[in-house]
Protein backbone atom coordinates (compact mmCIF):
# COMPACT_ATOMS: atom_id res chain seq x y z
CA MET A 1 -26.81 -11.23 -15.97
CA THR A 2 -25.47 -13.53 -13.21
CA LYS A 3 -24.29 -11.72 -10.07
CA GLU A 4 -20.58 -12.03 -9.41
CA THR A 5 -19.42 -14.15 -6.47
CA ILE A 6 -16.64 -12.33 -4.66
CA GLY A 7 -13.63 -13.79 -2.87
CA PHE A 8 -11.51 -11.85 -0.40
CA ILE A 9 -8.06 -12.88 0.80
CA GLY A 10 -6.62 -10.69 3.55
CA VAL A 11 -9.42 -9.46 5.80
CA GLY A 12 -7.09 -7.54 8.08
CA LEU A 13 -6.84 -3.83 8.94
CA MET A 14 -8.05 -2.67 5.52
CA GLY A 15 -9.62 -5.83 4.17
CA HIS A 16 -12.22 -6.28 6.89
CA GLY A 17 -13.96 -3.00 6.12
CA MET A 18 -13.76 -3.56 2.37
CA ALA A 19 -15.23 -7.05 2.68
CA ALA A 20 -17.98 -5.81 5.00
CA ASN A 21 -19.00 -3.20 2.44
CA ILE A 22 -19.09 -5.80 -0.35
CA LEU A 23 -21.43 -7.88 1.81
CA ALA A 24 -23.56 -4.86 2.68
CA LYS A 25 -24.20 -4.25 -1.02
CA GLY A 26 -25.58 -7.77 -1.41
CA TYR A 27 -22.73 -9.61 -3.12
CA PRO A 28 -22.05 -13.24 -2.14
CA LEU A 29 -18.68 -13.26 -0.38
CA HIS A 30 -16.16 -16.01 0.38
CA ILE A 31 -13.26 -15.30 2.75
CA ILE A 32 -10.37 -17.25 4.25
CA ALA A 33 -8.75 -17.01 7.67
CA HIS A 34 -5.07 -16.23 8.17
CA ARG A 35 -3.98 -15.45 11.75
CA ASN A 36 -6.64 -13.29 13.36
CA ARG A 37 -10.06 -14.93 13.64
CA THR A 38 -11.88 -11.83 14.91
CA PRO A 39 -12.54 -10.19 11.50
CA VAL A 40 -13.32 -13.58 9.96
CA ASP A 41 -15.90 -14.42 12.62
CA ASP A 42 -17.46 -10.98 12.26
CA LEU A 43 -17.80 -11.32 8.49
CA VAL A 44 -19.21 -14.85 8.77
CA SER A 45 -21.81 -13.50 11.20
CA LYS A 46 -22.77 -10.99 8.49
CA GLY A 47 -23.23 -13.71 5.86
CA ALA A 48 -19.78 -14.43 4.43
CA VAL A 49 -18.77 -18.02 3.67
CA GLU A 50 -15.46 -19.15 5.14
CA ALA A 51 -13.38 -21.16 2.69
CA GLN A 52 -11.12 -23.86 4.08
CA SER A 53 -8.42 -23.42 1.44
CA LEU A 54 -7.34 -21.02 -1.30
CA THR A 55 -8.33 -23.56 -3.94
CA ASP A 56 -11.82 -23.85 -2.43
CA LEU A 57 -12.16 -20.07 -2.52
CA ALA A 58 -10.83 -19.86 -6.08
CA SER A 59 -13.24 -22.48 -7.39
CA ALA A 60 -16.24 -20.78 -5.78
CA CYS A 61 -15.59 -17.17 -6.90
CA THR A 62 -15.59 -15.16 -10.12
CA ILE A 63 -13.79 -12.05 -8.80
CA ILE A 64 -11.16 -12.39 -6.07
CA HIS A 65 -9.55 -9.59 -4.05
CA ILE A 66 -6.08 -10.00 -2.58
CA CYS A 67 -4.90 -7.71 0.24
CA ALA A 68 -1.40 -8.96 1.07
CA PRO A 69 1.83 -7.37 2.37
CA GLY A 70 3.59 -7.34 -1.00
CA SER A 71 4.48 -9.07 -4.26
CA PRO A 72 6.04 -12.28 -2.84
CA GLN A 73 2.84 -13.03 -0.95
CA VAL A 74 0.62 -12.14 -3.93
CA GLU A 75 2.66 -14.41 -6.20
CA ALA A 76 2.40 -17.28 -3.71
CA ILE A 77 -1.37 -16.82 -3.30
CA VAL A 78 -1.97 -16.72 -7.05
CA GLY A 79 0.23 -19.78 -7.53
CA GLU A 80 -1.75 -21.76 -4.97
CA MET A 81 -5.11 -20.72 -6.46
CA LEU A 82 -4.11 -21.22 -10.07
CA PRO A 83 -5.22 -24.87 -10.53
CA ALA A 84 -8.73 -23.99 -9.33
CA LEU A 85 -9.22 -20.68 -11.15
CA ALA A 86 -11.73 -20.87 -13.99
CA SER A 87 -11.19 -19.10 -17.29
CA GLY A 88 -12.98 -15.77 -17.10
CA SER A 89 -12.08 -15.16 -13.46
CA VAL A 90 -10.68 -11.81 -12.35
CA ILE A 91 -8.11 -11.22 -9.61
CA ILE A 92 -7.96 -7.75 -8.05
CA ASP A 93 -4.65 -7.11 -6.30
CA CYS A 94 -5.30 -4.42 -3.69
CA SER A 95 -1.83 -4.78 -2.19
CA THR A 96 0.99 -2.31 -2.74
CA SER A 97 2.99 -4.51 -5.08
CA ASP A 98 6.02 -4.27 -7.37
CA PRO A 99 4.68 -3.23 -10.82
CA THR A 100 7.18 -5.50 -12.57
CA SER A 101 5.81 -8.51 -10.70
CA THR A 102 2.25 -7.37 -11.40
CA GLU A 103 2.83 -7.14 -15.14
CA LYS A 104 4.48 -10.59 -15.25
CA LEU A 105 1.59 -12.13 -13.32
CA ALA A 106 -0.92 -10.45 -15.65
CA THR A 107 0.78 -11.93 -18.72
CA MET A 108 0.87 -15.42 -17.20
CA LEU A 109 -2.79 -15.27 -16.13
CA GLU A 110 -3.97 -13.81 -19.44
CA ALA A 111 -2.62 -16.90 -21.22
CA ARG A 112 -5.02 -18.93 -19.09
CA GLY A 113 -8.01 -16.67 -19.71
CA ILE A 114 -7.80 -14.98 -16.30
CA ALA A 115 -7.62 -11.21 -15.86
CA LEU A 116 -5.49 -9.40 -13.29
CA ALA A 117 -6.35 -5.87 -12.18
CA ASP A 118 -4.30 -3.86 -9.70
CA ALA A 119 -6.37 -1.63 -7.42
CA PRO A 120 -4.14 -0.46 -4.55
CA LEU A 121 -5.78 1.59 -1.85
CA GLY A 122 -5.58 5.11 -0.52
CA GLY A 123 -6.93 5.78 2.95
CA THR A 124 -7.09 4.39 6.46
CA PRO A 125 -8.84 1.47 8.20
CA VAL A 126 -11.51 3.92 9.38
CA GLN A 127 -12.18 4.91 5.77
CA ALA A 128 -12.20 1.23 4.78
CA GLU A 129 -14.98 0.54 7.28
CA ALA A 130 -16.92 3.54 5.97
CA GLY A 131 -16.50 2.53 2.30
CA GLU A 132 -14.59 5.76 1.66
CA LEU A 133 -11.23 4.54 0.35
CA SER A 134 -9.71 5.63 -2.93
CA ALA A 135 -8.67 3.09 -5.57
CA MET A 136 -5.98 3.48 -8.23
CA VAL A 137 -6.88 0.92 -10.87
CA GLY A 138 -4.84 -0.69 -13.61
CA ALA A 139 -6.91 -2.90 -15.90
CA SER A 140 -8.11 -3.29 -19.46
CA ASP A 141 -11.22 -1.29 -20.30
CA GLU A 142 -13.28 -4.48 -20.43
CA THR A 143 -12.07 -5.71 -17.04
CA PHE A 144 -12.49 -2.30 -15.45
CA ALA A 145 -16.11 -2.10 -16.61
CA ARG A 146 -16.75 -5.47 -14.98
CA ILE A 147 -15.06 -4.79 -11.63
CA ALA A 148 -16.04 -1.11 -11.19
CA PRO A 149 -19.38 -1.89 -9.45
CA ILE A 150 -17.52 -4.09 -6.94
CA ILE A 151 -14.84 -1.50 -6.25
CA ASP A 152 -17.56 1.11 -5.82
CA THR A 153 -18.82 -0.80 -2.78
CA TRP A 154 -15.66 0.02 -0.81
CA ALA A 155 -14.18 3.08 -2.54
CA ALA A 156 -15.50 6.62 -2.73
CA THR A 157 -12.95 7.65 -5.37
CA VAL A 158 -11.99 5.34 -8.23
CA VAL A 159 -9.49 6.33 -10.93
CA HIS A 160 -8.83 4.03 -13.89
CA LEU A 161 -5.24 4.90 -14.74
CA GLY A 162 -4.57 2.55 -17.64
CA PRO A 163 -3.53 -1.07 -18.19
CA THR A 164 -2.58 -3.55 -15.47
CA GLY A 165 0.44 -2.31 -13.53
CA ASP A 166 -0.44 1.38 -13.69
CA GLY A 167 -2.31 1.23 -10.40
CA HIS A 168 0.72 -0.04 -8.55
CA LYS A 169 2.98 2.51 -10.24
CA MET A 170 0.70 5.33 -9.07
CA LYS A 171 0.44 3.84 -5.58
CA LEU A 172 4.21 3.89 -5.22
CA LEU A 173 4.27 7.55 -6.27
CA ASN A 174 1.45 8.29 -3.82
CA ASN A 175 3.29 6.58 -0.97
CA PHE A 176 6.52 8.33 -1.90
CA LEU A 177 4.73 11.63 -1.26
CA SER A 178 3.09 10.61 2.00
CA LEU A 179 6.13 8.83 3.45
CA GLY A 180 8.30 11.72 2.31
CA TYR A 181 6.05 14.01 4.34
CA GLY A 182 6.45 11.67 7.31
CA ALA A 183 10.25 11.74 7.11
CA ILE A 184 10.26 15.54 6.82
CA TYR A 185 7.81 15.97 9.72
CA ALA A 186 9.89 13.73 11.99
CA GLU A 187 13.14 15.50 11.17
CA ALA A 188 11.61 18.98 11.45
CA LEU A 189 10.06 18.10 14.82
CA ALA A 190 13.35 16.74 16.14
CA LEU A 191 15.31 19.79 14.99
CA GLY A 192 12.65 22.12 16.34
CA ASN A 193 12.62 20.45 19.74
CA LYS A 194 16.40 20.69 19.99
CA VAL A 195 16.32 24.44 19.35
CA GLY A 196 13.36 25.15 21.64
CA ILE A 197 10.40 24.89 19.22
CA THR A 198 8.39 22.14 20.91
CA PRO A 199 5.95 19.99 18.91
CA ASP A 200 3.10 21.94 20.52
CA LYS A 201 4.44 25.24 19.19
CA PHE A 202 5.22 23.65 15.83
CA ASP A 203 1.70 22.31 15.50
CA LYS A 204 0.09 25.65 16.35
CA VAL A 205 1.80 27.18 13.32
CA ILE A 206 1.34 24.32 10.83
CA ARG A 207 -2.19 23.15 11.67
CA GLY A 208 -4.69 25.08 9.59
CA SER A 209 -1.97 26.61 7.41
CA ARG A 210 -1.22 25.86 3.75
CA MET A 211 1.17 23.16 4.99
CA ASP A 212 -1.63 21.26 6.75
CA CYS A 213 -3.19 18.15 5.19
CA GLY A 214 -4.99 14.96 6.16
CA PHE A 215 -1.74 13.00 6.41
CA TYR A 216 -0.23 15.65 8.69
CA GLN A 217 -3.21 15.38 11.02
CA THR A 218 -3.08 11.60 11.37
CA PHE A 219 0.71 11.63 11.63
CA MET A 220 0.57 14.23 14.42
CA GLY A 221 -2.13 12.30 16.28
CA TYR A 222 0.68 10.29 17.88
CA THR A 223 3.05 13.18 18.59
CA MET A 224 0.39 15.50 20.00
CA GLU A 225 -2.03 13.06 21.64
CA GLY A 226 0.00 9.92 22.19
CA ASN A 227 -2.46 7.96 20.05
CA ARG A 228 -0.38 4.98 18.90
CA GLU A 229 -3.07 3.98 16.39
CA ALA A 230 -3.52 7.38 14.74
CA HIS A 231 -2.31 5.96 11.39
CA LYS A 232 -2.06 2.15 11.34
CA PHE A 233 0.46 1.61 8.56
CA THR A 234 3.63 -0.14 9.65
CA LEU A 235 7.14 1.17 9.31
CA SER A 236 8.05 -2.18 7.75
CA ASN A 237 5.45 -1.76 5.00
CA ALA A 238 6.61 1.80 4.44
CA PHE A 239 10.19 0.63 3.95
CA LYS A 240 9.01 -2.11 1.57
CA ASP A 241 7.09 0.41 -0.54
CA LEU A 242 10.13 2.68 -0.74
CA ARG A 243 12.25 -0.26 -1.92
CA TYR A 244 9.67 -0.91 -4.65
CA LEU A 245 9.83 2.78 -5.58
CA GLU A 246 13.61 2.56 -5.88
CA ALA A 247 13.30 -0.50 -8.13
CA MET A 248 10.76 1.29 -10.33
CA ALA A 249 13.08 4.30 -10.62
CA ASN A 250 16.01 2.03 -11.47
CA ASP A 251 13.98 0.28 -14.19
CA ALA A 252 13.07 3.69 -15.64
CA THR A 253 16.70 4.91 -15.30
CA VAL A 254 15.46 7.89 -13.27
CA PRO A 255 17.56 9.24 -10.37
CA ASN A 256 15.62 9.06 -7.11
CA PRO A 257 17.79 10.85 -4.54
CA VAL A 258 14.92 12.14 -2.40
CA GLY A 259 13.27 8.73 -2.42
CA ASN A 260 16.53 7.14 -1.28
CA ALA A 261 16.84 9.65 1.55
CA VAL A 262 13.28 8.90 2.70
CA LYS A 263 14.00 5.16 2.48
CA ALA A 264 17.10 5.63 4.63
CA SER A 265 15.03 7.38 7.31
CA PHE A 266 12.59 4.47 7.53
CA GLY A 267 15.39 1.90 7.22
CA ARG A 268 17.14 3.40 10.21
CA ALA A 269 13.92 3.21 12.24
CA LEU A 270 13.63 -0.49 11.44
CA ALA A 271 17.28 -1.06 12.39
CA MET A 272 16.61 0.69 15.71
CA GLY A 273 13.79 -1.72 16.54
CA GLY A 274 10.79 -0.28 14.70
CA ASN A 275 10.08 -3.46 12.77
CA GLY A 276 7.19 -4.83 14.83
CA PRO A 277 3.57 -5.36 13.75
CA GLU A 278 2.43 -2.37 15.83
CA ASP A 279 5.25 0.02 14.91
CA TYR A 280 3.39 2.49 12.71
CA VAL A 281 4.51 5.36 10.47
CA PRO A 282 3.79 8.17 13.00
CA HIS A 283 6.14 6.40 15.44
CA LEU A 284 9.00 7.45 13.15
CA VAL A 285 9.28 10.49 15.43
CA ASP A 286 10.43 8.20 18.25
CA PHE A 287 13.37 6.86 16.25
CA VAL A 288 14.40 10.16 14.69
CA GLY A 289 14.04 11.85 18.07
CA ARG A 290 16.05 9.14 19.80
CA ALA A 291 18.86 9.53 17.27
CA CYS A 292 18.86 13.26 18.04
CA GLY A 293 18.60 12.83 21.81
CA THR A 294 15.13 14.32 22.16
CA ASP A 295 11.64 13.03 23.01
CA LEU A 296 8.95 14.40 20.71
CA VAL A 297 5.72 12.77 21.81
CA LYS A 298 2.89 14.91 23.21
CA GLY A 299 4.89 18.11 22.88
CA ILE A 300 6.97 17.52 26.02
CA PRO A 301 10.74 17.94 25.67
CA HIS A 302 12.79 14.96 26.87
CA ASN A 303 14.27 16.61 29.94
CA GLU A 304 10.86 17.92 31.14
CA LYS A 305 9.18 14.54 30.59
CA LYS A 306 11.75 12.72 32.69
CA GLY A 307 11.78 15.43 35.32
């Protein structure tokens, strides 16, 4: 059986670690640069081949990963690769995409003999480097059997949920939960600080309790330690995912009042200036706190910090 040749588009915060793990397991890997050359140069030094164009990458690979910000970018990438994709190729969309777009792309590609699987990620860049992400996979049984050994190189937990599109549906539900936690944490911390329960006191009660979890710990890494990179997922991407969730709920004619409230919290943060490439989800506390007239970071009330 011929070994698959893997392509990887989007070797950024998550993609670099994933691509490095594919290489470490002995798969031939082709990558393409976008803005930041550092991860590209590192992967090339480990044996990856740098493609000069998306069509060059598409023609050289049998299975291609895409890690992009969202559906518009995925659609554009697929469109550019399409003339060079051979029948029998597989595209794995690891982005958090709109399931409606994913299903339309899958139908279009299937007519050309090309399979599309959605395998959005759960985890952090640290887990990506360690090969310990989780993957929520939507694919036919035949396609899943083919791509599972590749996904196993970068994921510790792999769940095949059903046909193409189901992975992105589950990812939106997953992010609804985590971002909902983030909105609740930020609001609870702001309210607590205003009534004399500082973040330090708050954390002493929650940490280690039934309300503690991995997301709480990374979220609080900024509030308690001032670590701006405690959870490197942007507020802009969070807002995008919540808009996709709303669209999915609308398509299913399901009310989504809590989701809309969470979306409003992140939307307000963006409107207040939190729309930069290094404005991450734990920084939501800054914007909620500012709206409430209190400073939440590192457990120091606003008036004490300035004094």
